[in-house]
N, C-alpha and C. Protein backbone atom coordinates (compact mmCIF):
# COMPACT_ATOMS: atom_id res chain seq x y z
N UNK A 1 10.24 -1.58 -41.21
CA UNK A 1 11.53 -0.89 -41.35
C UNK A 1 12.79 -0.86 -41.77
N UNK A 2 12.94 -2.10 -41.63
CA UNK A 2 14.18 -2.55 -42.37
C UNK A 2 13.95 -2.82 -43.75
N UNK A 3 13.30 -3.19 -44.59
CA UNK A 3 12.82 -2.82 -45.96
C UNK A 3 12.78 -1.84 -46.27
N UNK A 4 12.22 -1.03 -45.53
CA UNK A 4 11.69 0.32 -46.28
C UNK A 4 13.36 1.43 -45.94
N UNK A 5 14.53 0.69 -45.72
CA UNK A 5 15.73 1.33 -45.28
C UNK A 5 15.30 2.67 -43.84
N UNK A 6 14.27 1.97 -43.25
CA UNK A 6 14.79 3.20 -42.61
C UNK A 6 15.11 3.33 -41.21
N UNK A 7 15.78 1.52 -41.03
CA UNK A 7 16.90 0.96 -40.06
C UNK A 7 17.99 0.60 -40.92
N UNK A 8 19.22 0.40 -39.75
CA UNK A 8 20.13 -0.28 -40.16
C UNK A 8 20.49 -1.34 -38.97
N UNK A 9 20.69 -2.42 -39.26
CA UNK A 9 20.77 -3.57 -38.71
C UNK A 9 22.06 -4.01 -38.17
N UNK A 10 22.04 -3.25 -36.76
CA UNK A 10 23.14 -3.89 -36.21
C UNK A 10 23.84 -5.54 -35.90
N UNK A 11 22.48 -6.43 -36.27
CA UNK A 11 23.26 -7.85 -35.45
C UNK A 11 22.05 -8.53 -35.92
N UNK A 12 21.93 -9.55 -36.17
CA UNK A 12 20.99 -10.70 -37.13
C UNK A 12 20.98 -11.82 -35.46
N UNK A 13 19.50 -12.84 -35.80
CA UNK A 13 19.62 -13.73 -34.85
C UNK A 13 19.88 -14.80 -36.15
N UNK A 14 20.29 -16.02 -35.40
CA UNK A 14 20.58 -17.18 -35.87
C UNK A 14 19.60 -17.68 -36.65
N UNK A 15 18.47 -17.38 -36.34
CA UNK A 15 17.49 -18.03 -37.18
C UNK A 15 17.04 -17.30 -38.70
N UNK A 16 16.95 -18.42 -39.39
CA UNK A 16 16.57 -18.24 -41.16
C UNK A 16 15.26 -18.13 -41.24
N UNK A 17 14.66 -16.97 -42.04
CA UNK A 17 13.39 -17.07 -42.75
C UNK A 17 13.10 -17.43 -44.42
N UNK A 18 12.15 -18.48 -44.77
CA UNK A 18 12.61 -18.59 -46.32
C UNK A 18 10.88 -17.60 -46.52
N UNK A 19 11.42 -16.95 -47.46
CA UNK A 19 10.17 -16.86 -48.36
C UNK A 19 9.89 -17.75 -49.76
N UNK A 20 9.12 -17.33 -50.95
CA UNK A 20 9.05 -18.00 -52.20
C UNK A 20 10.48 -18.28 -52.78
N UNK A 21 11.15 -17.50 -52.93
CA UNK A 21 12.31 -16.72 -53.67
C UNK A 21 13.88 -16.89 -53.03
N UNK A 22 13.71 -16.37 -51.60
CA UNK A 22 15.00 -16.98 -51.09
C UNK A 22 14.65 -16.67 -49.61
N UNK A 23 15.93 -16.47 -48.93
CA UNK A 23 15.65 -16.94 -47.45
C UNK A 23 17.02 -16.11 -46.84
N UNK A 24 16.64 -15.35 -45.39
CA UNK A 24 17.51 -14.51 -44.61
C UNK A 24 17.49 -14.57 -43.46
N UNK A 25 18.12 -13.81 -42.61
CA UNK A 25 18.48 -14.25 -41.39
C UNK A 25 17.14 -12.87 -40.79
N UNK A 26 16.93 -13.27 -39.77
CA UNK A 26 16.16 -12.50 -39.16
C UNK A 26 17.04 -11.26 -38.27
N UNK A 27 16.92 -10.06 -38.49
CA UNK A 27 17.20 -8.86 -37.40
C UNK A 27 17.13 -9.20 -35.81
N UNK A 28 17.96 -8.81 -35.23
CA UNK A 28 18.39 -9.29 -33.93
C UNK A 28 18.27 -7.28 -33.32
N UNK A 29 19.04 -6.49 -34.07
CA UNK A 29 19.34 -5.21 -33.16
C UNK A 29 19.33 -4.03 -33.99
N UNK A 30 18.09 -3.25 -34.35
CA UNK A 30 18.11 -2.19 -35.59
C UNK A 30 18.55 -0.84 -34.66
N UNK A 31 18.82 -0.16 -35.79
CA UNK A 31 19.12 1.47 -35.29
C UNK A 31 18.45 2.10 -35.99
N UNK A 32 17.65 2.72 -35.50
CA UNK A 32 17.00 4.23 -36.44
C UNK A 32 18.41 5.14 -37.46
N UNK A 33 17.37 4.97 -38.69
CA UNK A 33 18.70 5.93 -39.11
C UNK A 33 18.02 7.55 -38.97
N UNK A 34 16.93 7.65 -38.15
CA UNK A 34 16.47 9.17 -37.96
C UNK A 34 15.75 9.47 -37.09
N UNK A 35 16.21 10.04 -35.92
CA UNK A 35 15.56 10.08 -35.13
C UNK A 35 14.23 10.25 -35.03
N UNK A 36 13.42 9.39 -33.87
CA UNK A 36 11.42 9.36 -34.03
C UNK A 36 11.14 10.87 -32.64
N UNK A 37 10.78 11.34 -32.78
CA UNK A 37 9.99 12.03 -31.75
C UNK A 37 8.79 11.62 -30.93
N UNK A 38 9.30 11.24 -30.06
CA UNK A 38 7.82 10.53 -29.25
C UNK A 38 7.04 11.32 -28.23
N UNK A 39 6.00 11.83 -28.86
CA UNK A 39 5.34 12.94 -27.95
C UNK A 39 4.62 11.95 -26.63
N UNK A 40 4.91 11.71 -25.44
CA UNK A 40 4.66 11.43 -24.32
C UNK A 40 3.58 12.04 -23.54
N UNK A 41 3.31 11.60 -22.61
CA UNK A 41 2.24 12.50 -21.88
C UNK A 41 2.72 13.46 -21.20
N UNK A 42 2.18 14.30 -20.60
CA UNK A 42 2.38 15.66 -19.97
C UNK A 42 2.69 15.34 -18.39
N UNK A 43 2.02 14.51 -17.87
CA UNK A 43 1.23 13.90 -16.69
C UNK A 43 1.43 12.70 -16.20
N UNK A 44 2.08 12.43 -15.29
CA UNK A 44 2.40 11.17 -14.49
C UNK A 44 0.72 10.70 -14.86
N UNK A 45 0.85 9.10 -14.26
CA UNK A 45 -0.64 9.00 -14.58
C UNK A 45 -0.87 8.43 -12.99
N UNK A 46 -2.36 8.63 -12.22
CA UNK A 46 -2.34 8.49 -11.07
C UNK A 46 -2.94 7.14 -10.75
N UNK A 47 -1.87 7.18 -10.26
CA UNK A 47 -2.31 5.11 -9.43
C UNK A 47 -1.65 4.53 -8.88
N UNK A 48 -1.75 3.55 -8.01
CA UNK A 48 -1.53 3.01 -6.77
C UNK A 48 0.17 2.58 -7.14
N UNK A 49 0.55 2.08 -8.54
CA UNK A 49 2.24 1.52 -8.85
C UNK A 49 3.23 3.00 -8.57
N UNK A 50 2.45 4.09 -9.36
CA UNK A 50 3.07 5.27 -9.35
C UNK A 50 2.94 6.34 -8.10
N UNK A 51 2.40 5.93 -7.21
CA UNK A 51 2.12 6.44 -6.05
C UNK A 51 3.69 5.79 -5.21
N UNK A 52 3.72 4.50 -5.09
CA UNK A 52 4.68 3.91 -4.71
C UNK A 52 6.01 4.41 -5.06
N UNK A 53 5.88 4.46 -6.25
CA UNK A 53 6.87 4.82 -7.15
C UNK A 53 7.72 5.90 -6.65
N UNK A 54 6.73 6.73 -6.77
CA UNK A 54 7.04 8.05 -6.10
C UNK A 54 7.53 7.93 -4.71
N UNK A 55 7.32 7.30 -4.01
CA UNK A 55 7.45 7.24 -2.75
C UNK A 55 8.51 6.27 -2.55
N UNK A 56 9.26 5.99 -3.30
CA UNK A 56 10.23 5.26 -2.97
C UNK A 56 9.88 3.94 -2.37
N UNK A 57 8.80 3.23 -2.13
CA UNK A 57 8.52 2.38 -1.92
C UNK A 57 8.74 2.26 -0.37
N UNK A 58 8.50 3.46 0.00
CA UNK A 58 8.76 3.62 1.67
C UNK A 58 7.26 4.11 2.09
N UNK A 59 7.07 3.58 3.45
CA UNK A 59 5.99 4.10 3.78
C UNK A 59 6.62 5.62 4.81
N UNK A 60 5.60 6.51 4.42
CA UNK A 60 6.04 7.57 4.86
C UNK A 60 5.39 8.42 6.18
N UNK A 61 5.05 7.46 7.30
CA UNK A 61 5.26 7.53 8.49
C UNK A 61 6.14 7.42 9.28
N UNK A 62 6.87 5.61 9.29
CA UNK A 62 7.48 5.11 10.08
C UNK A 62 8.97 4.75 9.15
N UNK A 63 8.91 5.03 7.96
CA UNK A 63 10.00 5.26 6.94
C UNK A 63 10.51 3.90 6.56
N UNK A 64 9.83 2.99 6.29
CA UNK A 64 10.41 1.67 6.26
C UNK A 64 10.27 1.65 4.94
N UNK A 65 11.53 0.71 4.34
CA UNK A 65 10.76 0.46 2.76
C UNK A 65 10.71 -0.64 2.69
N UNK A 66 9.11 -1.07 2.09
CA UNK A 66 8.73 -2.28 1.96
C UNK A 66 8.28 -2.64 0.33
N UNK A 67 8.33 -4.08 0.16
CA UNK A 67 8.05 -4.40 -1.22
C UNK A 67 6.03 -3.89 -1.44
N UNK A 68 5.94 -3.72 -2.57
CA UNK A 68 4.41 -3.30 -2.86
C UNK A 68 3.12 -4.23 -2.15
N UNK A 69 3.70 -5.29 -2.15
CA UNK A 69 1.83 -6.14 -1.68
C UNK A 69 1.83 -5.91 0.42
N UNK A 70 2.88 -4.99 0.50
CA UNK A 70 3.04 -4.86 2.07
C UNK A 70 2.36 -3.35 2.31
N UNK A 71 2.27 -2.84 0.69
CA UNK A 71 2.23 -0.67 1.26
C UNK A 71 0.59 -0.74 0.88
N UNK A 72 -0.02 0.19 1.29
CA UNK A 72 -1.20 0.46 1.27
C UNK A 72 -1.43 2.29 0.93
N UNK A 73 -2.21 2.36 0.57
CA UNK A 73 -2.19 3.76 0.18
C UNK A 73 -3.06 4.60 1.04
N UNK A 74 -2.46 5.98 2.12
CA UNK A 74 -2.96 6.74 2.61
C UNK A 74 -3.34 8.00 2.13
N UNK A 75 -5.14 8.66 2.87
CA UNK A 75 -5.31 9.82 2.12
C UNK A 75 -4.72 10.68 3.55
N UNK A 76 -3.83 11.77 3.23
CA UNK A 76 -3.58 12.24 4.41
C UNK A 76 -4.55 13.01 4.92
N UNK A 77 -5.26 13.54 4.27
CA UNK A 77 -6.66 14.05 4.73
C UNK A 77 -7.75 13.30 4.02
N UNK A 78 -8.12 12.62 5.53
CA UNK A 78 -9.62 11.36 4.78
C UNK A 78 -10.29 11.68 4.24
N UNK A 79 -10.63 10.84 2.79
CA UNK A 79 -11.45 10.68 2.21
C UNK A 79 -13.26 11.51 3.36
N UNK A 80 -13.08 10.49 4.35
CA UNK A 80 -14.48 10.67 5.23
C UNK A 80 -14.32 12.39 5.77
N UNK A 81 -12.94 12.60 5.52
CA UNK A 81 -13.33 14.28 5.74
C UNK A 81 -13.33 15.09 4.76
N UNK A 82 -13.65 14.69 4.00
CA UNK A 82 -13.69 15.67 2.70
C UNK A 82 -12.43 15.66 1.73
N UNK A 83 -11.08 14.63 2.22
CA UNK A 83 -10.03 14.45 1.60
C UNK A 83 -10.23 14.56 0.01
N UNK A 84 -9.32 14.80 -0.86
CA UNK A 84 -9.46 14.52 -2.51
C UNK A 84 -8.67 12.98 -2.73
N UNK A 85 -8.97 12.34 -3.84
CA UNK A 85 -8.14 10.97 -4.44
C UNK A 85 -7.54 11.30 -5.62
N UNK A 86 -5.75 12.45 -5.00
CA UNK A 86 -5.58 12.88 -6.36
C UNK A 86 -4.17 12.92 -5.35
N UNK A 87 -2.59 13.34 -6.46
CA UNK A 87 -1.32 13.22 -5.98
C UNK A 87 -0.93 13.89 -4.23
N UNK A 88 -1.51 15.18 -4.52
CA UNK A 88 -1.16 15.87 -3.32
C UNK A 88 -1.61 15.42 -1.90
N UNK A 89 -2.86 14.16 -1.72
CA UNK A 89 -3.41 13.88 -0.89
C UNK A 89 -3.10 12.67 -0.22
N UNK A 90 -2.38 11.87 -1.34
CA UNK A 90 -1.98 10.41 -0.88
C UNK A 90 -0.67 10.01 -0.68
N UNK A 91 -0.37 8.89 -0.11
CA UNK A 91 0.95 8.42 0.49
C UNK A 91 1.24 6.93 0.38
N UNK A 92 2.10 6.72 0.33
CA UNK A 92 2.27 5.02 0.48
C UNK A 92 2.84 4.65 2.03
N UNK A 93 2.10 4.01 2.56
CA UNK A 93 1.94 4.04 3.85
C UNK A 93 1.68 2.27 4.34
N UNK A 94 2.37 1.92 5.23
CA UNK A 94 2.34 0.41 5.59
C UNK A 94 1.02 0.15 6.36
N UNK A 95 0.89 -1.32 6.20
CA UNK A 95 -1.08 -1.23 7.14
C UNK A 95 -0.92 -0.73 7.92
N UNK A 96 0.27 -0.86 9.13
CA UNK A 96 -0.28 -0.45 10.71
C UNK A 96 0.05 0.83 10.95
N UNK A 97 0.65 1.96 9.99
CA UNK A 97 0.88 3.18 10.19
C UNK A 97 -0.59 3.56 10.13
N UNK A 98 -1.10 2.88 8.83
CA UNK A 98 -2.37 3.52 7.97
C UNK A 98 -3.18 3.35 9.18
N UNK A 99 -3.50 2.14 9.36
CA UNK A 99 -4.76 1.72 10.49
C UNK A 99 -4.44 2.43 11.69
N UNK A 100 -3.37 3.13 12.12
CA UNK A 100 -2.86 3.49 13.51
C UNK A 100 -3.42 5.35 13.56
N UNK A 101 -3.37 5.69 12.50
CA UNK A 101 -3.41 6.93 11.79
C UNK A 101 -4.82 6.94 11.56
N UNK A 102 -5.44 6.13 11.28
CA UNK A 102 -7.34 6.18 10.63
C UNK A 102 -7.64 6.90 9.94
N UNK A 103 -8.71 7.98 10.72
CA UNK A 103 -9.43 9.43 10.41
C UNK A 103 -8.86 10.27 10.31
N UNK A 104 -7.49 10.09 10.78
CA UNK A 104 -6.77 11.60 11.36
C UNK A 104 -6.03 12.32 10.48
N UNK A 105 -5.47 13.00 10.50
CA UNK A 105 -4.51 14.17 9.95
C UNK A 105 -3.38 13.67 10.27
N UNK A 106 -2.14 13.96 9.52
CA UNK A 106 -0.73 13.51 10.41
C UNK A 106 -0.45 14.19 11.57
N UNK A 107 -1.03 15.56 11.40
CA UNK A 107 -0.67 16.64 12.81
C UNK A 107 -1.59 16.08 14.16
N UNK A 108 -2.51 15.30 13.99
CA UNK A 108 -3.59 14.81 14.90
C UNK A 108 -3.26 13.56 15.44
N UNK A 109 -2.76 12.56 14.19
CA UNK A 109 -2.15 11.21 14.55
C UNK A 109 -0.60 11.51 15.82
N UNK A 110 -0.37 12.70 15.22
CA UNK A 110 0.83 12.97 16.06
C UNK A 110 2.10 11.91 14.74
N UNK A 111 1.98 11.53 13.58
CA UNK A 111 2.67 11.09 12.41
C UNK A 111 3.04 11.99 11.40
N UNK A 112 3.99 12.19 11.61
CA UNK A 112 4.95 13.22 10.96
C UNK A 112 5.15 12.59 9.07
N UNK A 113 4.94 13.18 8.31
CA UNK A 113 5.41 12.67 6.93
C UNK A 113 6.73 12.60 6.70
N UNK A 114 7.36 11.76 6.20
CA UNK A 114 9.16 11.73 5.55
C UNK A 114 8.87 12.86 4.56
N UNK A 115 7.38 12.93 3.38
CA UNK A 115 8.15 13.50 2.68
C UNK A 115 6.10 14.78 2.18
N UNK A 116 6.38 15.21 1.56
CA UNK A 116 5.13 16.37 1.69
C UNK A 116 4.99 15.44 0.31
N UNK A 117 3.35 15.05 0.15
CA UNK A 117 2.89 14.59 -1.26
C UNK A 117 2.98 15.80 -2.43
N UNK A 118 3.34 15.15 -3.36
CA UNK A 118 3.42 16.20 -4.80
C UNK A 118 3.07 15.53 -5.99
N UNK A 119 2.81 16.06 -6.87
CA UNK A 119 2.35 15.40 -8.17
C UNK A 119 3.37 15.44 -8.78
N UNK A 120 4.31 14.40 -9.13
CA UNK A 120 5.49 14.09 -9.73
C UNK A 120 5.38 14.51 -11.18
N UNK A 121 6.56 14.95 -12.13
CA UNK A 121 6.64 15.49 -13.43
C UNK A 121 6.93 14.17 -14.10
N UNK A 122 7.91 13.13 -14.02
CA UNK A 122 8.47 12.15 -13.69
C UNK A 122 8.69 11.20 -13.04
N UNK A 123 8.91 9.65 -13.35
CA UNK A 123 9.15 8.84 -12.07
C UNK A 123 10.12 8.26 -12.34
N UNK A 124 11.52 7.95 -11.70
CA UNK A 124 11.87 6.84 -11.62
C UNK A 124 11.70 5.61 -12.37
N UNK A 125 12.61 5.30 -13.20
CA UNK A 125 12.38 4.28 -14.31
C UNK A 125 12.86 2.89 -13.63
N UNK A 126 11.76 1.82 -13.95
CA UNK A 126 11.91 0.52 -13.10
C UNK A 126 13.46 -0.14 -14.05
N UNK A 127 13.55 -1.10 -12.75
CA UNK A 127 15.22 -1.34 -13.15
C UNK A 127 14.59 -2.94 -13.66
N UNK A 128 14.35 -3.19 -14.99
CA UNK A 128 13.93 -3.91 -16.28
C UNK A 128 14.52 -5.18 -16.65
N UNK A 129 15.82 -4.61 -16.26
CA UNK A 129 16.75 -5.71 -16.65
C UNK A 129 17.76 -6.38 -15.56
N UNK A 130 17.30 -7.18 -15.20
CA UNK A 130 18.00 -7.64 -13.79
C UNK A 130 18.55 -9.46 -14.61
N UNK A 131 19.74 -9.86 -14.01
CA UNK A 131 20.24 -11.25 -13.51
C UNK A 131 19.24 -12.34 -14.75
N UNK A 132 18.22 -12.16 -14.02
CA UNK A 132 17.06 -13.50 -14.49
C UNK A 132 16.75 -12.91 -15.88
N UNK A 133 16.71 -11.72 -16.50
CA UNK A 133 16.33 -11.39 -17.99
C UNK A 133 16.27 -12.52 -18.97
N UNK A 134 15.44 -12.90 -19.85
CA UNK A 134 15.98 -13.99 -20.90
C UNK A 134 16.09 -12.74 -21.86
N UNK A 135 17.14 -12.26 -22.01
CA UNK A 135 17.47 -11.56 -23.54
C UNK A 135 18.28 -11.77 -24.40
N UNK A 136 17.79 -11.96 -25.63
CA UNK A 136 19.10 -12.42 -26.64
C UNK A 136 20.70 -11.85 -26.24
N UNK A 137 21.34 -13.00 -26.58
CA UNK A 137 22.78 -12.37 -26.04
C UNK A 137 23.51 -11.19 -26.83
N UNK A 138 22.96 -11.21 -28.10
CA UNK A 138 23.30 -10.20 -28.99
C UNK A 138 23.13 -9.34 -28.56
N UNK A 139 22.32 -8.68 -27.33
CA UNK A 139 21.78 -7.61 -27.07
C UNK A 139 22.20 -6.80 -26.22
N UNK A 140 23.12 -7.57 -25.40
CA UNK A 140 23.88 -7.26 -23.69
C UNK A 140 24.47 -5.82 -24.14
N UNK A 141 25.21 -5.81 -25.40
CA UNK A 141 26.21 -4.86 -25.40
C UNK A 141 25.44 -3.80 -26.00
N UNK A 142 24.38 -3.48 -26.19
CA UNK A 142 23.43 -2.34 -26.47
C UNK A 142 22.29 -2.21 -25.40
N UNK A 143 22.53 -3.26 -24.33
CA UNK A 143 21.85 -2.61 -22.69
C UNK A 143 22.29 -2.66 -21.97
N UNK A 144 23.72 -2.06 -21.86
CA UNK A 144 24.86 -1.68 -21.45
C UNK A 144 24.97 -2.86 -19.79
N UNK A 145 24.67 -4.17 -20.59
CA UNK A 145 25.15 -5.33 -20.16
C UNK A 145 26.13 -5.94 -20.10
N UNK A 146 27.22 -6.07 -21.10
CA UNK A 146 27.74 -6.57 -22.04
C UNK A 146 29.42 -6.12 -21.53
């Protein structure tokens, strides 16, 4: 994109590369000259991680926030009773609550849900940048960390 003049180079690495005729510094931060419209999925993919993100890593029965390795997926209407494996029938639950509820509905188990399950249109973004991140120093002003 740089060589075809589709981007402006805002920063360069300190590393040089060499060709047969010349040498130059590698670009580090690029800026598009023209917006590229990205077509994203219209639906959020149904998977374990996205269920936990939707439910804010919180057990929907006891309301405890937990790391994903301590959460399970609970079917509000159990599969054994005709429940479906879909957004509106699954919630994040800790193992203890999931076991206590068993194959009952929340009403039968007297375990009200924190929030009603729904199919999200989008999900909160992961916090992908933290203090342990090893991004080049020249990127920091563009990532909001400088």
